[in-house]
Amino acid sequence: MSLPIESSLARYLVDDMHTAGEPVRIITGDAPELQGETLLAKRRQAKAEFDVVRQRLMSEPRGHADMYGVWPTAAHHPDAALAVLFIHNGGYSTMCGHATIAMGRWVVDQGLVPKTPPLTRFGLECPCGLVQVEVATDAQGNTGAVEFDSVTAFPYVMDAEIELPEHGKIRFDISYGGAYYAILPASRLGLSLLESPLETLIQMGRRITDAAREQLSIQHRDHSSGDLGFLYGTIITDDAQGNEPTGNLCIFGDGQVDRSPTGSGVTARLALDHAKGLIDVGEERLFRGLSGVPFSGRIARVVEGETGSEGVIVRVAGQSFYTGRSEFVVEANDELRDGLPIAAQLGAIWAANGVTTTD
């Protein structure tokens, strides 16, 4: 039986991948063509005029609470082969390492750049800036592991402090790896990254993010518009030091939980550790997220400015895999055609879908 494609309100073509268990849904057809003089302008247009695309593809019933996606668009940077918007259930990311790794394979496999074995290199324009991508490519043109060089990463605030209800004062660092993260070890919360219940760690991460957004203000040093200046999430770590293998539990957006080690989070942590003198340029470190599948990271170089170090460029490596290809349809008479957001209260879910009474 064929689907009623012709009578549908809308349809979307996607390729699905995962990187260390974290989904990457790439929109490959039938999304609106974004307009704007910059990628950030396109991001603003997507949020203001076409956010229903994100809602339909990230939320249930086509997605799920922890879905993640990429909306490709034409590049503005002269050194970029493609530009991307990163989307999730809560909105739009400024940077995403696991999705960049997936896009590395996808761009090469789609023939958007010439294959140059053993390594194919290209620039990818992200909302936070241009990143350089390197894709392992064999003589037959098959793609494998991917590495990327980050935008300039830097610590933002050391020893920030907030008041957390029923817990008291919490101290953490804020670091930028293309997005801003609150970073602290689980032990500072009286918890263990390896032994505490996962739901307890996740709830603490959500509470820290919410409280920090309320109590602290973040301003990106190069962008005053607010497009990049906000706390994206919280990363809870173990107590490993230096270049020892370590764990990242990243709670981001509106409380999503990253299955991967979080590429922009790896970048932010390495920038922070380098500033503290805990890791040197060129030292490699393994990071594991919820799935246990690692990313490796190392500081590629220090970026020097007029007044000293501006930050570091971090190289992150991992691998993505294809999981499927789909054509989604949106029927006009479907009450949930624009997605089902799952909120913390049943009343909020109903209200989002136009239900005002339990009668």
Protein backbone atom coordinates (compact mmCIF):
# COMPACT_ATOMS: atom_id res chain seq x y z
CA MET A 1 0.00 0.00 0.00
CA SER A 2 1.36 3.41 -0.91
CA LEU A 3 1.18 6.35 1.48
CA PRO A 4 -1.21 9.22 0.64
CA ILE A 5 1.69 11.48 -0.25
CA GLU A 6 -0.12 13.66 -2.76
CA SER A 7 -2.93 14.56 -0.36
CA SER A 8 -0.62 15.32 2.56
CA LEU A 9 -0.22 18.78 4.03
CA ALA A 10 3.58 18.40 3.94
CA ARG A 11 6.30 15.80 3.60
CA TYR A 12 9.94 15.65 4.63
CA LEU A 13 12.79 13.46 3.46
CA VAL A 14 15.47 12.60 6.02
CA ASP A 15 18.58 10.50 6.47
CA ASP A 16 19.06 9.15 9.99
CA MET A 17 22.45 8.51 11.59
CA HIS A 18 23.87 8.15 15.08
CA THR A 19 27.16 9.18 16.64
CA ALA A 20 28.05 7.22 19.78
CA GLY A 21 24.35 6.49 20.18
CA GLU A 22 23.11 10.09 19.84
CA PRO A 23 20.66 10.50 16.92
CA VAL A 24 21.27 12.76 13.95
CA ARG A 25 18.27 13.32 11.67
CA ILE A 26 19.41 15.15 8.53
CA ILE A 27 16.71 16.91 6.50
CA THR A 28 17.39 16.01 2.86
CA GLY A 29 14.30 17.26 1.09
CA ASP A 30 11.12 19.38 1.11
CA ALA A 31 11.99 21.77 3.96
CA PRO A 32 11.58 25.50 3.20
CA GLU A 33 14.54 27.25 1.62
CA LEU A 34 15.97 29.56 4.26
CA GLN A 35 16.84 33.15 3.37
CA GLY A 36 19.24 35.56 5.02
CA GLU A 37 22.55 37.33 4.60
CA THR A 38 24.17 35.25 7.35
CA LEU A 39 23.65 31.82 8.85
CA LEU A 40 22.52 33.42 12.11
CA ALA A 41 19.91 35.37 10.14
CA LYS A 42 18.68 32.10 8.65
CA ARG A 43 18.57 30.63 12.13
CA ARG A 44 16.39 33.51 13.28
CA GLN A 45 14.10 33.01 10.27
CA ALA A 46 13.80 29.29 10.95
CA LYS A 47 12.79 30.02 14.56
CA ALA A 48 10.32 32.79 13.66
CA GLU A 49 8.71 31.46 10.47
CA PHE A 50 9.40 27.75 10.01
CA ASP A 51 9.76 26.33 13.51
CA VAL A 52 7.01 23.85 12.71
CA VAL A 53 9.59 21.90 10.68
CA ARG A 54 11.67 21.36 13.80
CA GLN A 55 8.60 20.51 15.87
CA ARG A 56 7.33 17.95 13.36
CA LEU A 57 10.64 16.12 12.94
CA MET A 58 11.99 16.27 16.48
CA SER A 59 8.85 15.74 18.58
CA GLU A 60 6.74 12.65 18.89
CA PRO A 61 5.22 10.89 17.00
CA ARG A 62 7.97 11.23 14.34
CA GLY A 63 10.74 11.90 16.84
CA HIS A 64 11.13 11.56 20.59
CA ALA A 65 12.10 13.57 23.67
CA ASP A 66 15.85 13.24 23.00
CA MET A 67 15.78 13.57 19.20
CA TYR A 68 18.41 15.67 17.43
CA GLY A 69 18.65 16.91 13.86
CA VAL A 70 20.45 18.93 11.21
CA TRP A 71 18.87 21.36 8.76
CA PRO A 72 21.41 21.86 5.92
CA THR A 73 21.44 25.14 4.01
CA ALA A 74 23.68 27.05 1.61
CA ALA A 75 26.94 28.32 3.08
CA HIS A 76 27.82 31.99 3.44
CA HIS A 77 31.44 31.52 4.47
CA PRO A 78 33.69 31.32 1.39
CA ASP A 79 35.63 28.37 2.83
CA ALA A 80 32.56 26.26 3.67
CA ALA A 81 31.10 23.50 1.52
CA LEU A 82 27.80 23.65 3.40
CA ALA A 83 26.11 25.40 6.31
CA VAL A 84 23.96 23.74 8.96
CA LEU A 85 21.40 24.54 11.61
CA PHE A 86 21.32 22.19 14.58
CA ILE A 87 17.84 21.42 15.92
CA HIS A 88 16.40 19.52 18.87
CA ASN A 89 13.23 19.34 20.94
CA GLY A 90 14.02 22.53 22.84
CA GLY A 91 15.15 24.68 19.93
CA TYR A 92 18.37 25.42 18.05
CA SER A 93 21.96 24.69 19.09
CA THR A 94 24.85 27.00 18.26
CA MET A 95 27.24 24.06 17.88
CA CYS A 96 27.07 20.29 17.94
CA GLY A 97 30.09 18.00 17.74
CA HIS A 98 28.28 14.68 17.36
CA ALA A 99 26.21 16.09 14.49
CA THR A 100 29.33 17.60 12.88
CA ILE A 101 30.93 14.14 12.93
CA ALA A 102 27.84 12.69 11.24
CA MET A 103 27.78 15.49 8.68
CA GLY A 104 31.41 14.74 7.86
CA ARG A 105 30.49 11.33 6.48
CA TRP A 106 27.21 12.52 4.98
CA VAL A 107 28.70 15.44 3.04
CA VAL A 108 31.39 13.22 1.51
CA ASP A 109 28.99 10.34 0.80
CA GLN A 110 26.57 12.73 -0.91
CA GLY A 111 29.34 13.89 -3.25
CA LEU A 112 29.10 17.49 -2.06
CA VAL A 113 32.90 17.65 -1.93
CA PRO A 114 35.48 15.70 -3.99
CA LYS A 115 36.82 12.56 -2.31
CA THR A 116 40.56 12.72 -1.72
CA PRO A 117 41.78 9.47 -0.11
CA PRO A 118 43.06 8.88 2.50
CA LEU A 119 41.53 12.05 4.00
CA THR A 120 38.82 14.30 2.63
CA ARG A 121 38.78 17.79 4.12
CA PHE A 122 36.20 20.57 3.94
CA GLY A 123 34.80 23.48 5.91
CA LEU A 124 31.40 23.29 7.60
CA GLU A 125 29.69 26.54 8.56
CA CYS A 126 27.97 26.24 11.94
CA PRO A 127 26.03 28.95 13.80
CA CYS A 128 29.06 29.50 16.07
CA GLY A 129 31.45 29.76 13.09
CA LEU A 130 33.48 27.73 10.62
CA VAL A 131 34.83 24.33 11.65
CA GLN A 132 37.28 22.25 9.63
CA VAL A 133 36.26 18.65 9.05
CA GLU A 134 38.49 15.70 8.09
CA VAL A 135 36.97 12.39 6.96
CA ALA A 136 38.84 9.11 6.59
CA THR A 137 38.26 7.98 3.00
CA ASP A 138 39.64 4.75 1.54
CA ALA A 139 40.69 4.07 -2.05
CA GLN A 140 37.17 2.83 -2.89
CA GLY A 141 35.63 6.05 -1.57
CA ASN A 142 34.20 4.54 1.62
CA THR A 143 34.07 6.90 4.59
CA GLY A 144 34.94 6.18 8.20
CA ALA A 145 36.15 8.09 11.24
CA VAL A 146 35.74 11.87 11.33
CA GLU A 147 37.70 14.62 13.09
CA PHE A 148 36.93 18.31 13.29
CA ASP A 149 38.73 21.39 14.52
CA SER A 150 36.55 23.56 16.73
CA VAL A 151 35.97 27.27 16.77
CA THR A 152 38.03 29.10 19.37
CA ALA A 153 37.12 27.67 22.78
CA PHE A 154 37.72 29.38 26.12
CA PRO A 155 36.72 29.38 29.80
CA TYR A 156 34.04 31.96 30.49
CA VAL A 157 33.75 31.99 34.30
CA MET A 158 35.74 30.03 36.85
CA ASP A 159 33.97 29.14 40.09
CA ALA A 160 30.58 30.56 39.22
CA GLU A 161 28.11 30.15 42.07
CA ILE A 162 24.34 29.76 42.22
CA GLU A 163 21.80 29.00 44.89
CA LEU A 164 19.98 25.73 44.29
CA PRO A 165 16.74 25.21 46.24
CA GLU A 166 17.00 22.40 48.81
CA HIS A 167 20.70 22.03 48.06
CA GLY A 168 22.35 25.33 48.87
CA LYS A 169 25.20 26.96 46.98
CA ILE A 170 26.62 25.14 43.96
CA ARG A 171 29.99 26.04 42.46
CA PHE A 172 30.94 25.25 38.86
CA ASP A 173 32.85 26.55 35.85
CA ILE A 174 31.35 27.85 32.61
CA SER A 175 33.27 27.15 29.42
CA TYR A 176 32.62 27.74 25.72
CA GLY A 177 33.15 25.10 23.05
CA GLY A 178 30.82 26.58 20.42
CA ALA A 179 28.13 26.58 23.12
CA TYR A 180 28.29 27.49 26.81
CA TYR A 181 28.22 24.74 29.44
CA ALA A 182 28.17 24.66 33.21
CA ILE A 183 30.76 22.01 34.16
CA LEU A 184 31.25 20.36 37.53
CA PRO A 185 32.11 16.94 39.01
CA ALA A 186 29.32 14.80 40.45
CA SER A 187 31.27 14.59 43.71
CA ARG A 188 30.62 18.29 44.31
CA LEU A 189 26.93 17.40 44.45
CA GLY A 190 27.52 14.49 46.82
CA LEU A 191 26.99 12.08 43.91
CA SER A 192 29.03 9.67 41.79
CA LEU A 193 29.00 9.71 38.00
CA LEU A 194 29.40 5.93 37.94
CA GLU A 195 27.33 4.83 40.91
CA SER A 196 24.51 7.33 41.49
CA PRO A 197 21.16 6.62 39.82
CA LEU A 198 21.13 8.05 36.31
CA GLU A 199 17.81 9.81 36.87
CA THR A 200 19.23 11.55 39.95
CA LEU A 201 22.18 12.88 37.93
CA ILE A 202 19.92 14.00 35.09
CA GLN A 203 17.53 15.81 37.41
CA MET A 204 20.46 17.60 39.09
CA GLY A 205 21.79 18.65 35.70
CA ARG A 206 18.40 20.06 34.75
CA ARG A 207 18.07 21.92 38.02
CA ILE A 208 21.54 23.45 37.70
CA THR A 209 20.87 24.57 34.12
CA ASP A 210 17.52 26.14 35.03
CA ALA A 211 18.90 27.91 38.11
CA ALA A 212 22.01 29.14 36.30
CA ARG A 213 19.91 30.58 33.49
CA GLU A 214 17.84 32.47 36.03
CA GLN A 215 20.71 33.70 38.21
CA LEU A 216 23.55 34.30 35.76
CA SER A 217 23.93 36.33 32.57
CA ILE A 218 26.12 35.22 29.66
CA GLN A 219 27.33 37.53 26.93
CA HIS A 220 29.35 36.17 24.00
CA ARG A 221 32.48 38.27 23.56
CA ASP A 222 32.10 38.57 19.77
CA HIS A 223 28.30 38.64 19.36
CA SER A 224 26.10 41.11 21.22
CA SER A 225 22.88 40.00 19.52
CA GLY A 226 22.22 37.16 21.95
CA ASP A 227 22.31 34.49 19.24
CA LEU A 228 25.27 32.77 20.91
CA GLY A 229 25.21 34.16 24.45
CA PHE A 230 23.20 31.70 26.53
CA LEU A 231 23.82 28.67 28.73
CA TYR A 232 23.14 25.60 26.61
CA GLY A 233 23.41 22.94 29.28
CA THR A 234 25.23 21.30 32.17
CA ILE A 235 27.96 18.66 32.01
CA ILE A 236 28.45 16.46 35.07
CA THR A 237 31.84 14.76 35.18
CA ASP A 238 33.89 12.33 37.23
CA ASP A 239 37.03 13.33 39.13
CA ALA A 240 39.58 12.12 36.57
CA GLN A 241 42.46 14.52 36.07
CA GLY A 242 44.84 15.57 33.30
CA ASN A 243 44.71 13.30 30.28
CA GLU A 244 43.05 10.37 32.09
CA PRO A 245 39.96 8.87 30.40
CA THR A 246 36.90 10.64 31.74
CA GLY A 247 33.12 10.73 31.63
CA ASN A 248 30.70 13.40 30.42
CA LEU A 249 26.99 13.36 31.22
CA CYS A 250 25.55 16.26 29.24
CA ILE A 251 22.05 17.57 29.91
CA PHE A 252 21.24 20.23 27.31
CA GLY A 253 18.48 22.28 25.73
CA ASP A 254 15.24 21.81 27.63
CA GLY A 255 16.63 18.85 29.54
CA GLN A 256 17.63 16.43 26.80
CA VAL A 257 20.31 13.87 27.64
CA ASP A 258 23.15 13.34 25.19
CA ARG A 259 24.01 9.69 24.53
CA SER A 260 27.41 10.70 23.14
CA PRO A 261 30.26 12.43 25.03
CA THR A 262 29.11 15.74 23.44
CA GLY A 263 31.66 17.11 20.98
CA SER A 264 31.18 20.76 21.91
CA GLY A 265 31.29 19.68 25.56
CA VAL A 266 34.58 17.87 25.00
CA THR A 267 35.85 21.10 23.43
CA ALA A 268 34.66 23.20 26.37
CA ARG A 269 36.21 20.84 28.93
CA LEU A 270 39.60 20.75 27.21
CA ALA A 271 39.64 24.55 26.96
CA LEU A 272 38.91 24.70 30.68
CA ASP A 273 41.53 22.09 31.62
CA HIS A 274 44.18 23.80 29.50
CA ALA A 275 43.50 27.13 31.20
CA LYS A 276 43.93 25.41 34.57
CA GLY A 277 47.23 23.88 33.48
CA LEU A 278 45.90 20.32 33.62
CA ILE A 279 46.54 19.33 30.00
CA ASP A 280 49.06 20.40 27.37
CA VAL A 281 48.73 21.07 23.66
CA GLY A 282 48.73 17.79 21.73
CA GLU A 283 47.81 15.53 24.66
CA GLU A 284 44.94 13.22 23.75
CA ARG A 285 42.12 12.42 26.14
CA LEU A 286 39.20 9.97 25.85
CA PHE A 287 35.70 11.07 26.83
CA ARG A 288 32.75 8.73 27.32
CA GLY A 289 29.11 9.69 27.44
CA LEU A 290 25.93 7.82 28.24
CA SER A 291 26.51 5.11 25.61
CA GLY A 292 30.14 4.48 26.65
CA VAL A 293 31.33 4.91 23.04
CA PRO A 294 34.21 7.42 23.25
CA PHE A 295 35.26 10.58 21.49
CA SER A 296 38.91 11.55 21.60
CA GLY A 297 39.95 15.14 22.01
CA ARG A 298 43.14 17.11 22.03
CA ILE A 299 44.14 20.75 21.92
CA ALA A 300 45.41 21.36 18.40
CA ARG A 301 46.78 24.84 19.05
CA VAL A 302 46.53 27.96 21.16
CA VAL A 303 44.96 31.05 19.60
CA GLU A 304 46.95 34.14 20.51
CA GLY A 305 45.48 37.63 20.66
CA GLU A 306 46.83 41.10 21.29
CA THR A 307 46.58 40.67 25.06
CA GLY A 308 47.64 37.02 25.25
CA SER A 309 45.81 33.74 24.80
CA GLU A 310 42.29 34.10 23.40
CA GLY A 311 41.58 30.41 23.70
CA VAL A 312 42.30 27.10 22.00
CA ILE A 313 41.35 25.12 18.93
CA VAL A 314 40.30 21.60 19.93
CA ARG A 315 40.33 18.58 17.62
CA VAL A 316 37.54 16.07 18.34
CA ALA A 317 37.33 12.62 16.74
CA GLY A 318 34.57 10.03 16.56
CA GLN A 319 32.53 7.93 14.15
CA SER A 320 28.95 7.94 12.91
CA PHE A 321 26.78 5.27 11.35
CA TYR A 322 23.68 5.30 9.16
CA THR A 323 20.47 3.97 10.64
CA GLY A 324 17.89 4.66 7.95
CA ARG A 325 16.21 6.84 5.36
CA SER A 326 12.63 8.02 5.72
CA GLU A 327 9.86 10.03 4.11
CA PHE A 328 7.59 11.61 6.70
CA VAL A 329 4.13 12.90 5.83
CA VAL A 330 1.87 15.39 7.60
CA GLU A 331 -1.85 14.87 7.11
CA ALA A 332 -4.05 17.94 7.50
CA ASN A 333 -6.65 16.23 9.71
CA ASP A 334 -4.07 14.81 12.15
CA GLU A 335 -4.58 16.48 15.54
CA LEU A 336 -0.89 15.88 16.31
CA ARG A 337 0.39 16.88 12.87
CA ASP A 338 2.78 19.47 14.32
CA GLY A 339 4.22 17.18 16.96
CA LEU A 340 3.52 16.22 20.55
CA PRO A 341 5.74 18.06 23.05
CA ILE A 342 6.20 16.09 26.25
CA ALA A 343 6.24 18.53 29.17
CA ALA A 344 6.64 17.92 32.89
CA GLN A 345 2.93 18.34 33.62
CA LEU A 346 0.03 16.69 31.84
CA GLY A 347 -1.83 20.00 31.80
CA ALA A 348 1.03 21.66 29.91
CA ILE A 349 0.98 18.91 27.29
CA TRP A 350 -2.76 19.27 26.82
CA ALA A 351 -2.57 23.06 26.66
CA ALA A 352 0.11 22.86 23.96
CA ASN A 353 -2.34 20.85 21.89
CA GLY A 354 -5.34 23.11 22.44
CA VAL A 355 -7.06 21.18 25.23
CA THR A 356 -8.43 23.54 27.89
CA THR A 357 -10.60 21.22 29.97
CA THR A 358 -10.65 17.65 31.24
CA ASP A 359 -14.35 17.30 30.47
